[in-house]
């Protein structure tokens, strides 16, 4: 069985488990039956709460995993991650402003739409700062600057907040979660995710060529300027959509490509689809853990991912330092 098929089966199994697991003490047979025939309140829970949560988990994980693989392939650095271009921090800032100003309470979709708008603005600023002919270094520096500015603005909003309830809601949103999400959130994210996937999934050949260096890639017919624009827009769409609907969920784009790299022969092009599938499986598994570990305390998804991802990140740094030594 191929790696992609194994990962797809894992995603399907975890999505099924996510749909069947919840605070309501209902047997799996009754839960499955409620998906296909009307059983009143149970059908409402299964179709409108658990099913969109599982779908959104798959979508968010695939976005982050694929974006991480693309960034690592483009920058030729296994420690690169999607947040380098500042989109996730900017999307979080947009959501924070919506919460603080009360715009998020105006209608259900105000918060994710504000986050997406901030992500679009961040992309424009990053591309303007990096310049049309800038290389990967200028892109990183521009992304770090925008990310730092967005983080500082977020801290300023929290510092000046006179509403303790809004500040509390902001803090909890920034921890990341798939709870209380609906098909509306799926509908908002899906078109943006589809656009990002269309931009990124076709970049495998160019990323493989970049392993030889930028000059060699250009000699093979790769338009580096067009590739950079395509990658930045694709990563921004994926990460912006994921952050808009789920909050800040870290380490997926860093850890998943690292885990799967050996299984794909360290070829960036072959790593794209497995990273998307692996990211989807990782986020759904973490969301299941959220409901099983402390079901009564509303443990946040971003907290679980950080607890898992940080040790793996430290292990990566340790291995790299040993290799350089």
C-alpha atoms as a PDB file:
ATOM      1  CA  UNK A   1       0.000   0.000   0.000  1.00  0.00           C
ATOM      2  CA  UNK A   2       1.417   3.391  -0.979  1.00  0.00           C
ATOM      3  CA  UNK A   3       2.149   6.107   1.558  1.00  0.00           C
ATOM      4  CA  UNK A   4      -0.604   8.373   0.229  1.00  0.00           C
ATOM      5  CA  UNK A   5      -3.176   5.594   0.403  1.00  0.00           C
ATOM      6  CA  UNK A   6      -2.177   4.698   3.962  1.00  0.00           C
ATOM      7  CA  UNK A   7      -2.453   8.324   5.021  1.00  0.00           C
ATOM      8  CA  UNK A   8      -5.827   8.679   3.291  1.00  0.00           C
ATOM      9  CA  UNK A   9      -7.152   5.616   5.125  1.00  0.00           C
ATOM     10  CA  UNK A  10      -5.818   7.062   8.400  1.00  0.00           C
ATOM     11  CA  UNK A  11      -7.586  10.362   7.714  1.00  0.00           C
ATOM     12  CA  UNK A  12     -10.859   8.562   6.989  1.00  0.00           C
ATOM     13  CA  UNK A  13     -10.592   6.480  10.168  1.00  0.00           C
ATOM     14  CA  UNK A  14      -9.806   9.514  12.322  1.00  0.00           C
ATOM     15  CA  UNK A  15     -12.627  11.534  10.743  1.00  0.00           C
ATOM     16  CA  UNK A  16     -15.062   8.711  11.529  1.00  0.00           C
ATOM     17  CA  UNK A  17     -13.768   8.558  15.103  1.00  0.00           C
ATOM     18  CA  UNK A  18     -14.142  12.332  15.393  1.00  0.00           C
ATOM     19  CA  UNK A  19     -17.775  12.123  14.322  1.00  0.00           C
ATOM     20  CA  UNK A  20     -18.520   9.312  16.778  1.00  0.00           C
ATOM     21  CA  UNK A  21     -16.713  10.784  19.811  1.00  0.00           C
ATOM     22  CA  UNK A  22     -18.381  13.449  21.901  1.00  0.00           C
ATOM     23  CA  UNK A  23     -19.749  14.338  25.333  1.00  0.00           C
ATOM     24  CA  UNK A  24     -23.114  12.699  24.600  1.00  0.00           C
ATOM     25  CA  UNK A  25     -23.053   9.085  25.771  1.00  0.00           C
ATOM     26  CA  UNK A  26     -24.475   7.541  22.609  1.00  0.00           C
ATOM     27  CA  UNK A  27     -23.454   4.248  21.039  1.00  0.00           C
ATOM     28  CA  UNK A  28     -21.584   4.282  17.741  1.00  0.00           C
ATOM     29  CA  UNK A  29     -24.381   2.420  15.928  1.00  0.00           C
ATOM     30  CA  UNK A  30     -26.978   5.001  16.991  1.00  0.00           C
ATOM     31  CA  UNK A  31     -24.583   7.831  16.120  1.00  0.00           C
ATOM     32  CA  UNK A  32     -23.965   6.480  12.626  1.00  0.00           C
ATOM     33  CA  UNK A  33     -27.659   5.885  12.117  1.00  0.00           C
ATOM     34  CA  UNK A  34     -28.422   9.481  13.036  1.00  0.00           C
ATOM     35  CA  UNK A  35     -26.222  10.666  10.159  1.00  0.00           C
ATOM     36  CA  UNK A  36     -28.439   8.976   7.588  1.00  0.00           C
ATOM     37  CA  UNK A  37     -31.928   9.100   9.079  1.00  0.00           C
ATOM     38  CA  UNK A  38     -33.751  11.643  11.173  1.00  0.00           C
ATOM     39  CA  UNK A  39     -33.552  10.900  14.913  1.00  0.00           C
ATOM     40  CA  UNK A  40     -34.379  14.337  16.256  1.00  0.00           C
ATOM     41  CA  UNK A  41     -31.812  16.017  18.468  1.00  0.00           C
ATOM     42  CA  UNK A  42     -29.156  13.339  17.859  1.00  0.00           C
ATOM     43  CA  UNK A  43     -29.317  13.899  14.097  1.00  0.00           C
ATOM     44  CA  UNK A  44     -28.920  17.630  14.665  1.00  0.00           C
ATOM     45  CA  UNK A  45     -25.827  17.031  16.819  1.00  0.00           C
ATOM     46  CA  UNK A  46     -24.262  14.627  14.315  1.00  0.00           C
ATOM     47  CA  UNK A  47     -24.960  16.614  11.150  1.00  0.00           C
ATOM     48  CA  UNK A  48     -24.595  20.180  12.377  1.00  0.00           C
ATOM     49  CA  UNK A  49     -21.948  19.919  15.132  1.00  0.00           C
ATOM     50  CA  UNK A  50     -19.749  16.839  14.868  1.00  0.00           C
ATOM     51  CA  UNK A  51     -19.631  16.374  11.079  1.00  0.00           C
ATOM     52  CA  UNK A  52     -18.616  19.966  10.191  1.00  0.00           C
ATOM     53  CA  UNK A  53     -16.052  19.863  13.020  1.00  0.00           C
ATOM     54  CA  UNK A  54     -14.450  16.754  11.516  1.00  0.00           C
ATOM     55  CA  UNK A  55     -14.502  18.218   7.991  1.00  0.00           C
ATOM     56  CA  UNK A  56     -12.988  21.469   9.225  1.00  0.00           C
ATOM     57  CA  UNK A  57     -10.278  19.564  11.103  1.00  0.00           C
ATOM     58  CA  UNK A  58      -9.286  17.738   7.915  1.00  0.00           C
ATOM     59  CA  UNK A  59      -9.304  20.990   5.985  1.00  0.00           C
ATOM     60  CA  UNK A  60      -7.255  22.987   8.507  1.00  0.00           C
ATOM     61  CA  UNK A  61      -4.686  20.217   8.924  1.00  0.00           C
ATOM     62  CA  UNK A  62      -4.289  19.773   5.164  1.00  0.00           C
ATOM     63  CA  UNK A  63      -3.785  23.527   4.740  1.00  0.00           C
ATOM     64  CA  UNK A  64      -1.083  23.750   7.370  1.00  0.00           C
ATOM     65  CA  UNK A  65       0.699  20.526   6.369  1.00  0.00           C
ATOM     66  CA  UNK A  66       0.812  21.409   2.673  1.00  0.00           C
ATOM     67  CA  UNK A  67       1.896  24.998   3.376  1.00  0.00           C
ATOM     68  CA  UNK A  68       4.714  23.786   5.595  1.00  0.00           C
ATOM     69  CA  UNK A  69       5.996  21.355   2.958  1.00  0.00           C
ATOM     70  CA  UNK A  70       5.940  24.086   0.305  1.00  0.00           C
ATOM     71  CA  UNK A  71       7.787  26.603   2.492  1.00  0.00           C
ATOM     72  CA  UNK A  72      10.444  24.066   3.446  1.00  0.00           C
ATOM     73  CA  UNK A  73      10.907  23.077  -0.188  1.00  0.00           C
ATOM     74  CA  UNK A  74      11.100  26.654  -1.448  1.00  0.00           C
ATOM     75  CA  UNK A  75      13.494  27.846   1.261  1.00  0.00           C
ATOM     76  CA  UNK A  76      15.386  24.519   1.273  1.00  0.00           C
ATOM     77  CA  UNK A  77      15.250  24.534   5.063  1.00  0.00           C
ATOM     78  CA  UNK A  78      13.542  21.790   7.144  1.00  0.00           C
ATOM     79  CA  UNK A  79      12.948  24.301   9.955  1.00  0.00           C
ATOM     80  CA  UNK A  80      10.853  26.643   7.800  1.00  0.00           C
ATOM     81  CA  UNK A  81       7.134  26.912   8.530  1.00  0.00           C
ATOM     82  CA  UNK A  82       4.118  28.767   7.097  1.00  0.00           C
ATOM     83  CA  UNK A  83       4.184  31.536   9.709  1.00  0.00           C
ATOM     84  CA  UNK A  84       7.405  32.905   8.196  1.00  0.00           C
ATOM     85  CA  UNK A  85       5.528  35.122   5.763  1.00  0.00           C
ATOM     86  CA  UNK A  86       3.402  36.685   8.510  1.00  0.00           C
ATOM     87  CA  UNK A  87      -0.014  35.558   7.284  1.00  0.00           C
ATOM     88  CA  UNK A  88      -1.083  33.657  10.412  1.00  0.00           C
ATOM     89  CA  UNK A  89      -0.146  36.519  12.764  1.00  0.00           C
ATOM     90  CA  UNK A  90      -1.938  39.019  10.522  1.00  0.00           C
ATOM     91  CA  UNK A  91      -5.060  36.868  10.286  1.00  0.00           C
ATOM     92  CA  UNK A  92      -5.057  36.593  14.071  1.00  0.00           C
ATOM     93  CA  UNK A  93      -4.790  40.380  14.305  1.00  0.00           C
ATOM     94  CA  UNK A  94      -7.803  40.787  12.037  1.00  0.00           C
ATOM     95  CA  UNK A  95      -9.837  38.447  14.232  1.00  0.00           C
ATOM     96  CA  UNK A  96      -8.674  40.206  17.393  1.00  0.00           C
ATOM     97  CA  UNK A  97      -9.746  43.598  16.046  1.00  0.00           C
ATOM     98  CA  UNK A  98     -13.150  42.160  15.113  1.00  0.00           C
ATOM     99  CA  UNK A  99     -13.588  40.807  18.638  1.00  0.00           C
ATOM    100  CA  UNK A 100     -12.397  43.976  20.365  1.00  0.00           C
ATOM    101  CA  UNK A 101     -14.536  46.354  18.309  1.00  0.00           C
ATOM    102  CA  UNK A 102     -17.649  44.212  18.659  1.00  0.00           C
ATOM    103  CA  UNK A 103     -17.807  43.623  14.900  1.00  0.00           C
ATOM    104  CA  UNK A 104     -17.658  39.877  15.535  1.00  0.00           C
ATOM    105  CA  UNK A 105     -20.978  40.122  17.377  1.00  0.00           C
ATOM    106  CA  UNK A 106     -22.666  41.861  14.452  1.00  0.00           C
ATOM    107  CA  UNK A 107     -23.113  38.658  12.434  1.00  0.00           C
ATOM    108  CA  UNK A 108     -21.817  35.104  12.550  1.00  0.00           C
ATOM    109  CA  UNK A 109     -19.242  35.398   9.775  1.00  0.00           C
ATOM    110  CA  UNK A 110     -17.675  38.705  10.817  1.00  0.00           C
ATOM    111  CA  UNK A 111     -14.739  37.112  12.637  1.00  0.00           C
ATOM    112  CA  UNK A 112     -13.479  34.735   9.908  1.00  0.00           C
ATOM    113  CA  UNK A 113     -14.037  37.341   7.206  1.00  0.00           C
ATOM    114  CA  UNK A 114     -12.031  39.915   9.182  1.00  0.00           C
ATOM    115  CA  UNK A 115      -9.209  37.403   9.598  1.00  0.00           C
ATOM    116  CA  UNK A 116      -9.195  36.641   5.871  1.00  0.00           C
ATOM    117  CA  UNK A 117      -9.155  40.350   5.004  1.00  0.00           C
ATOM    118  CA  UNK A 118      -6.167  40.919   7.298  1.00  0.00           C
ATOM    119  CA  UNK A 119      -4.370  37.966   5.682  1.00  0.00           C
ATOM    120  CA  UNK A 120      -4.918  39.500   2.220  1.00  0.00           C
ATOM    121  CA  UNK A 121      -3.527  42.833   3.403  1.00  0.00           C
ATOM    122  CA  UNK A 122      -0.498  41.059   4.889  1.00  0.00           C
ATOM    123  CA  UNK A 123       0.228  39.323   1.577  1.00  0.00           C
ATOM    124  CA  UNK A 124       0.162  42.656  -0.227  1.00  0.00           C
ATOM    125  CA  UNK A 125       2.554  44.198   2.304  1.00  0.00           C
ATOM    126  CA  UNK A 126       4.945  41.243   2.185  1.00  0.00           C
ATOM    127  CA  UNK A 127       5.083  41.278  -1.611  1.00  0.00           C
ATOM    128  CA  UNK A 128       5.575  45.049  -1.653  1.00  0.00           C
ATOM    129  CA  UNK A 129       8.393  44.896   0.911  1.00  0.00           C
ATOM    130  CA  UNK A 130      10.126  41.946  -0.748  1.00  0.00           C
ATOM    131  CA  UNK A 131      10.033  43.680  -4.128  1.00  0.00           C
ATOM    132  CA  UNK A 132       9.379  42.126  -7.535  1.00  0.00           C
ATOM    133  CA  UNK A 133      12.944  40.854  -7.949  1.00  0.00           C
ATOM    134  CA  UNK A 134      13.697  39.913  -4.355  1.00  0.00           C
ATOM    135  CA  UNK A 135      14.837  36.425  -3.478  1.00  0.00           C
ATOM    136  CA  UNK A 136      13.912  34.089  -0.651  1.00  0.00           C
ATOM    137  CA  UNK A 137      15.899  36.091   1.919  1.00  0.00           C
ATOM    138  CA  UNK A 138      13.977  39.297   1.218  1.00  0.00           C
ATOM    139  CA  UNK A 139      10.731  37.328   1.430  1.00  0.00           C
ATOM    140  CA  UNK A 140      11.685  35.934   4.846  1.00  0.00           C
ATOM    141  CA  UNK A 141      12.737  39.335   6.169  1.00  0.00           C
ATOM    142  CA  UNK A 142       9.514  40.954   4.941  1.00  0.00           C
ATOM    143  CA  UNK A 143       7.450  38.148   6.475  1.00  0.00           C
ATOM    144  CA  UNK A 144       9.248  38.389   9.816  1.00  0.00           C
ATOM    145  CA  UNK A 145       8.710  42.159   9.876  1.00  0.00           C
ATOM    146  CA  UNK A 146       4.980  41.861   9.125  1.00  0.00           C
ATOM    147  CA  UNK A 147       4.623  39.034  11.655  1.00  0.00           C
ATOM    148  CA  UNK A 148       6.347  41.080  14.371  1.00  0.00           C
ATOM    149  CA  UNK A 149       4.212  44.121  13.574  1.00  0.00           C
ATOM    150  CA  UNK A 150       1.006  42.066  13.708  1.00  0.00           C
ATOM    151  CA  UNK A 151       2.040  40.457  17.018  1.00  0.00           C
ATOM    152  CA  UNK A 152       2.830  43.875  18.482  1.00  0.00           C
ATOM    153  CA  UNK A 153      -0.526  45.261  17.330  1.00  0.00           C
ATOM    154  CA  UNK A 154      -2.326  42.260  18.827  1.00  0.00           C
ATOM    155  CA  UNK A 155      -0.549  42.817  22.153  1.00  0.00           C
ATOM    156  CA  UNK A 156      -1.467  46.511  21.996  1.00  0.00           C
ATOM    157  CA  UNK A 157      -5.146  45.703  21.463  1.00  0.00           C
ATOM    158  CA  UNK A 158      -5.089  43.367  24.467  1.00  0.00           C
ATOM    159  CA  UNK A 159      -3.206  45.936  26.559  1.00  0.00           C
ATOM    160  CA  UNK A 160      -5.665  48.732  25.802  1.00  0.00           C
ATOM    161  CA  UNK A 161      -8.791  46.602  26.026  1.00  0.00           C
ATOM    162  CA  UNK A 162     -11.237  48.017  28.554  1.00  0.00           C
ATOM    163  CA  UNK A 163     -13.626  45.096  28.185  1.00  0.00           C
ATOM    164  CA  UNK A 164     -12.435  42.075  30.205  1.00  0.00           C
ATOM    165  CA  UNK A 165     -14.925  39.822  28.439  1.00  0.00           C
ATOM    166  CA  UNK A 166     -13.571  40.779  25.008  1.00  0.00           C
ATOM    167  CA  UNK A 167      -9.987  40.298  26.209  1.00  0.00           C
ATOM    168  CA  UNK A 168     -10.865  36.872  27.578  1.00  0.00           C
ATOM    169  CA  UNK A 169     -12.536  35.891  24.304  1.00  0.00           C
ATOM    170  CA  UNK A 170      -9.493  37.087  22.346  1.00  0.00           C
ATOM    171  CA  UNK A 171      -7.092  35.026  24.442  1.00  0.00           C
ATOM    172  CA  UNK A 172      -9.170  31.877  24.086  1.00  0.00           C
ATOM    173  CA  UNK A 173      -9.634  32.379  20.338  1.00  0.00           C
ATOM    174  CA  UNK A 174      -5.881  32.738  19.839  1.00  0.00           C
ATOM    175  CA  UNK A 175      -5.360  29.326  21.444  1.00  0.00           C
ATOM    176  CA  UNK A 176      -7.070  27.709  18.465  1.00  0.00           C
ATOM    177  CA  UNK A 177     -10.113  25.447  18.508  1.00  0.00           C
ATOM    178  CA  UNK A 178     -12.572  23.584  16.288  1.00  0.00           C
ATOM    179  CA  UNK A 179     -15.365  23.670  18.861  1.00  0.00           C
ATOM    180  CA  UNK A 180     -18.648  25.384  17.988  1.00  0.00           C
ATOM    181  CA  UNK A 181     -17.842  25.513  14.279  1.00  0.00           C
ATOM    182  CA  UNK A 182     -20.562  24.997  11.686  1.00  0.00           C
ATOM    183  CA  UNK A 183     -21.053  24.440   7.973  1.00  0.00           C
ATOM    184  CA  UNK A 184     -20.883  28.221   7.553  1.00  0.00           C
ATOM    185  CA  UNK A 185     -17.214  28.140   8.565  1.00  0.00           C
ATOM    186  CA  UNK A 186     -16.603  25.264   6.164  1.00  0.00           C
ATOM    187  CA  UNK A 187     -18.297  27.228   3.376  1.00  0.00           C
ATOM    188  CA  UNK A 188     -16.133  30.296   4.066  1.00  0.00           C
ATOM    189  CA  UNK A 189     -12.856  28.378   4.128  1.00  0.00           C
ATOM    190  CA  UNK A 190     -13.489  25.893   1.306  1.00  0.00           C
ATOM    191  CA  UNK A 191     -13.231  28.242  -1.729  1.00  0.00           C
ATOM    192  CA  UNK A 192     -10.068  29.887  -0.361  1.00  0.00           C
ATOM    193  CA  UNK A 193      -8.546  26.495   0.462  1.00  0.00           C
ATOM    194  CA  UNK A 194      -9.380  25.212  -3.032  1.00  0.00           C
ATOM    195  CA  UNK A 195      -7.644  28.239  -4.567  1.00  0.00           C
ATOM    196  CA  UNK A 196      -4.563  27.726  -2.394  1.00  0.00           C
ATOM    197  CA  UNK A 197      -4.418  24.009  -3.174  1.00  0.00           C
ATOM    198  CA  UNK A 198      -4.670  24.698  -6.907  1.00  0.00           C
ATOM    199  CA  UNK A 199      -1.725  27.097  -6.662  1.00  0.00           C
ATOM    200  CA  UNK A 200       0.498  24.875  -4.523  1.00  0.00           C
ATOM    201  CA  UNK A 201      -0.090  21.318  -5.705  1.00  0.00           C
ATOM    202  CA  UNK A 202       1.331  22.059  -9.143  1.00  0.00           C
ATOM    203  CA  UNK A 203       4.646  23.360  -7.794  1.00  0.00           C
ATOM    204  CA  UNK A 204       6.278  19.976  -7.215  1.00  0.00           C
ATOM    205  CA  UNK A 205       8.528  20.023 -10.278  1.00  0.00           C
ATOM    206  CA  UNK A 206       9.739  23.562  -9.529  1.00  0.00           C
ATOM    207  CA  UNK A 207      10.501  22.687  -5.910  1.00  0.00           C
ATOM    208  CA  UNK A 208      12.455  19.624  -7.023  1.00  0.00           C
ATOM    209  CA  UNK A 209      14.472  21.819  -9.380  1.00  0.00           C
ATOM    210  CA  UNK A 210      15.201  24.289  -6.574  1.00  0.00           C
ATOM    211  CA  UNK A 211      17.066  21.583  -4.642  1.00  0.00           C
ATOM    212  CA  UNK A 212      19.861  22.144  -7.208  1.00  0.00           C
ATOM    213  CA  UNK A 213      19.953  25.871  -6.437  1.00  0.00           C
ATOM    214  CA  UNK A 214      18.198  28.909  -7.907  1.00  0.00           C
ATOM    215  CA  UNK A 215      20.610  29.289 -10.839  1.00  0.00           C
ATOM    216  CA  UNK A 216      20.229  25.635 -11.809  1.00  0.00           C
ATOM    217  CA  UNK A 217      16.439  25.869 -11.473  1.00  0.00           C
ATOM    218  CA  UNK A 218      16.366  28.939 -13.716  1.00  0.00           C
ATOM    219  CA  UNK A 219      18.491  27.107 -16.309  1.00  0.00           C
ATOM    220  CA  UNK A 220      15.893  24.310 -16.277  1.00  0.00           C
ATOM    221  CA  UNK A 221      13.189  26.767 -17.279  1.00  0.00           C
ATOM    222  CA  UNK A 222      11.745  27.612 -13.852  1.00  0.00           C
ATOM    223  CA  UNK A 223      10.481  31.199 -13.650  1.00  0.00           C
ATOM    224  CA  UNK A 224      11.567  32.026 -10.094  1.00  0.00           C
ATOM    225  CA  UNK A 225       9.617  35.273  -9.857  1.00  0.00           C
ATOM    226  CA  UNK A 226       6.397  33.612 -10.942  1.00  0.00           C
ATOM    227  CA  UNK A 227       7.082  30.667  -8.635  1.00  0.00           C
ATOM    228  CA  UNK A 228       7.560  32.945  -5.621  1.00  0.00           C
ATOM    229  CA  UNK A 229       4.330  34.821  -6.348  1.00  0.00           C
ATOM    230  CA  UNK A 230       2.455  31.548  -6.757  1.00  0.00           C
ATOM    231  CA  UNK A 231       3.829  30.092  -3.534  1.00  0.00           C
ATOM    232  CA  UNK A 232       3.190  33.193  -1.453  1.00  0.00           C
ATOM    233  CA  UNK A 233      -0.393  33.526  -2.688  1.00  0.00           C
ATOM    234  CA  UNK A 234      -1.052  29.813  -2.204  1.00  0.00           C
ATOM    235  CA  UNK A 235       0.401  29.668   1.304  1.00  0.00           C
ATOM    236  CA  UNK A 236      -1.414  32.870   2.247  1.00  0.00           C
ATOM    237  CA  UNK A 237      -4.736  31.462   1.049  1.00  0.00           C
ATOM    238  CA  UNK A 238      -4.265  28.173   2.909  1.00  0.00           C
ATOM    239  CA  UNK A 239      -2.914  29.579   6.173  1.00  0.00           C
ATOM    240  CA  UNK A 240      -5.246  32.571   6.143  1.00  0.00           C
ATOM    241  CA  UNK A 241      -8.296  30.341   5.694  1.00  0.00           C
ATOM    242  CA  UNK A 242      -7.152  27.922   8.403  1.00  0.00           C
ATOM    243  CA  UNK A 243      -6.443  30.700  10.903  1.00  0.00           C
ATOM    244  CA  UNK A 244      -9.682  32.478  10.084  1.00  0.00           C
ATOM    245  CA  UNK A 245     -11.880  29.515  11.007  1.00  0.00           C
ATOM    246  CA  UNK A 246      -9.807  27.734  13.678  1.00  0.00           C
ATOM    247  CA  UNK A 247      -7.609  30.367  15.306  1.00  0.00           C
ATOM    248  CA  UNK A 248      -3.878  29.961  15.800  1.00  0.00           C
ATOM    249  CA  UNK A 249      -2.821  26.314  15.438  1.00  0.00           C
ATOM    250  CA  UNK A 250       0.945  25.963  15.357  1.00  0.00           C
ATOM    251  CA  UNK A 251       3.607  23.343  14.628  1.00  0.00           C
ATOM    252  CA  UNK A 252       1.584  21.332  12.079  1.00  0.00           C
ATOM    253  CA  UNK A 253       3.380  22.813   9.088  1.00  0.00           C
ATOM    254  CA  UNK A 254       6.725  22.336  10.799  1.00  0.00           C
ATOM    255  CA  UNK A 255       6.365  18.848  12.240  1.00  0.00           C
ATOM    256  CA  UNK A 256       4.407  16.919   9.593  1.00  0.00           C
ATOM    257  CA  UNK A 257       6.780  17.449   6.621  1.00  0.00           C
ATOM    258  CA  UNK A 258       9.709  16.599   8.899  1.00  0.00           C
ATOM    259  CA  UNK A 259       8.116  13.302   9.958  1.00  0.00           C
ATOM    260  CA  UNK A 260       7.265  12.289   6.389  1.00  0.00           C
ATOM    261  CA  UNK A 261      10.415  13.498   4.624  1.00  0.00           C
ATOM    262  CA  UNK A 262      12.313  10.225   4.813  1.00  0.00           C
ATOM    263  CA  UNK A 263       9.347   8.239   3.528  1.00  0.00           C
ATOM    264  CA  UNK A 264       9.269  10.373   0.359  1.00  0.00           C
ATOM    265  CA  UNK A 265      12.992  10.221  -0.374  1.00  0.00           C
ATOM    266  CA  UNK A 266      13.458  13.862   0.704  1.00  0.00           C
ATOM    267  CA  UNK A 267      12.004  15.039  -2.620  1.00  0.00           C
ATOM    268  CA  UNK A 268       9.969  18.253  -2.096  1.00  0.00           C
ATOM    269  CA  UNK A 269       7.568  17.476  -4.937  1.00  0.00           C
ATOM    270  CA  UNK A 270       6.690  14.041  -3.579  1.00  0.00           C
ATOM    271  CA  UNK A 271       6.243  15.487  -0.081  1.00  0.00           C
ATOM    272  CA  UNK A 272       3.332  17.799  -0.899  1.00  0.00           C
ATOM    273  CA  UNK A 273       0.367  15.412  -0.934  1.00  0.00           C
ATOM    274  CA  UNK A 274       1.605  13.272   1.995  1.00  0.00           C
ATOM    275  CA  UNK A 275       2.096  16.436   4.070  1.00  0.00           C
ATOM    276  CA  UNK A 276      -1.461  17.556   3.340  1.00  0.00           C
ATOM    277  CA  UNK A 277      -2.837  14.161   4.337  1.00  0.00           C
ATOM    278  CA  UNK A 278      -0.537  13.910   7.356  1.00  0.00           C
ATOM    279  CA  UNK A 279      -1.487  17.387   8.536  1.00  0.00           C
ATOM    280  CA  UNK A 280      -5.180  16.524   8.241  1.00  0.00           C
ATOM    281  CA  UNK A 281      -4.668  13.344  10.275  1.00  0.00           C
ATOM    282  CA  UNK A 282      -2.626  15.155  12.923  1.00  0.00           C
ATOM    283  CA  UNK A 283      -5.147  17.946  13.517  1.00  0.00           C
ATOM    284  CA  UNK A 284      -8.135  15.580  13.675  1.00  0.00           C
ATOM    285  CA  UNK A 285      -6.236  13.282  16.071  1.00  0.00           C
ATOM    286  CA  UNK A 286      -5.387  16.278  18.287  1.00  0.00           C
ATOM    287  CA  UNK A 287      -9.021  17.414  18.214  1.00  0.00           C
ATOM    288  CA  UNK A 288     -10.092  13.938  19.345  1.00  0.00           C
ATOM    289  CA  UNK A 289      -7.542  14.136  22.161  1.00  0.00           C
ATOM    290  CA  UNK A 290      -9.018  17.490  23.208  1.00  0.00           C
ATOM    291  CA  UNK A 291     -12.379  15.809  23.792  1.00  0.00           C
ATOM    292  CA  UNK A 292     -10.951  12.761  25.556  1.00  0.00           C
ATOM    293  CA  UNK A 293      -8.242  14.162  27.861  1.00  0.00           C
ATOM    294  CA  UNK A 294     -10.148  16.936  29.648  1.00  0.00           C
ATOM    295  CA  UNK A 295     -13.698  16.911  28.266  1.00  0.00           C
ATOM    296  CA  UNK A 296     -15.031  19.097  31.059  1.00  0.00           C
ATOM    297  CA  UNK A 297     -12.346  21.856  30.810  1.00  0.00           C
ATOM    298  CA  UNK A 298     -12.521  22.906  27.112  1.00  0.00           C
ATOM    299  CA  UNK A 299      -8.882  22.144  26.358  1.00  0.00           C
ATOM    300  CA  UNK A 300      -7.830  24.124  23.275  1.00  0.00           C
ATOM    301  CA  UNK A 301      -6.532  22.538  20.085  1.00  0.00           C
ATOM    302  CA  UNK A 302      -3.619  24.968  19.763  1.00  0.00           C
ATOM    303  CA  UNK A 303      -2.437  24.054  23.269  1.00  0.00           C
ATOM    304  CA  UNK A 304      -2.396  20.342  22.444  1.00  0.00           C
ATOM    305  CA  UNK A 305      -0.531  20.956  19.179  1.00  0.00           C
ATOM    306  CA  UNK A 306       2.061  23.053  21.006  1.00  0.00           C
ATOM    307  CA  UNK A 307       2.566  20.358  23.646  1.00  0.00           C
ATOM    308  CA  UNK A 308       3.153  17.803  20.884  1.00  0.00           C
ATOM    309  CA  UNK A 309       4.988  20.013  18.408  1.00  0.00           C
ATOM    310  CA  UNK A 310       7.445  21.773  20.708  1.00  0.00           C
ATOM    311  CA  UNK A 311       9.305  18.583  21.781  1.00  0.00           C
ATOM    312  CA  UNK A 312       9.504  17.459  18.146  1.00  0.00           C
ATOM    313  CA  UNK A 313      10.855  20.874  17.180  1.00  0.00           C
ATOM    314  CA  UNK A 314      13.487  20.688  19.919  1.00  0.00           C
ATOM    315  CA  UNK A 315      14.440  17.216  18.688  1.00  0.00           C
ATOM    316  CA  UNK A 316      14.848  18.592  15.149  1.00  0.00           C
ATOM    317  CA  UNK A 317      17.144  21.364  16.394  1.00  0.00           C
ATOM    318  CA  UNK A 318      19.188  18.857  18.424  1.00  0.00           C
ATOM    319  CA  UNK A 319      19.599  16.542  15.440  1.00  0.00           C
ATOM    320  CA  UNK A 320      20.564  19.421  13.169  1.00  0.00           C
ATOM    321  CA  UNK A 321      23.141  20.722  15.656  1.00  0.00           C
ATOM    322  CA  UNK A 322      24.617  17.240  15.970  1.00  0.00           C
ATOM    323  CA  UNK A 323      24.819  16.971  12.192  1.00  0.00           C
ATOM    324  CA  UNK A 324      26.518  20.373  11.842  1.00  0.00           C
ATOM    325  CA  UNK A 325      28.925  19.510  14.633  1.00  0.00           C
END
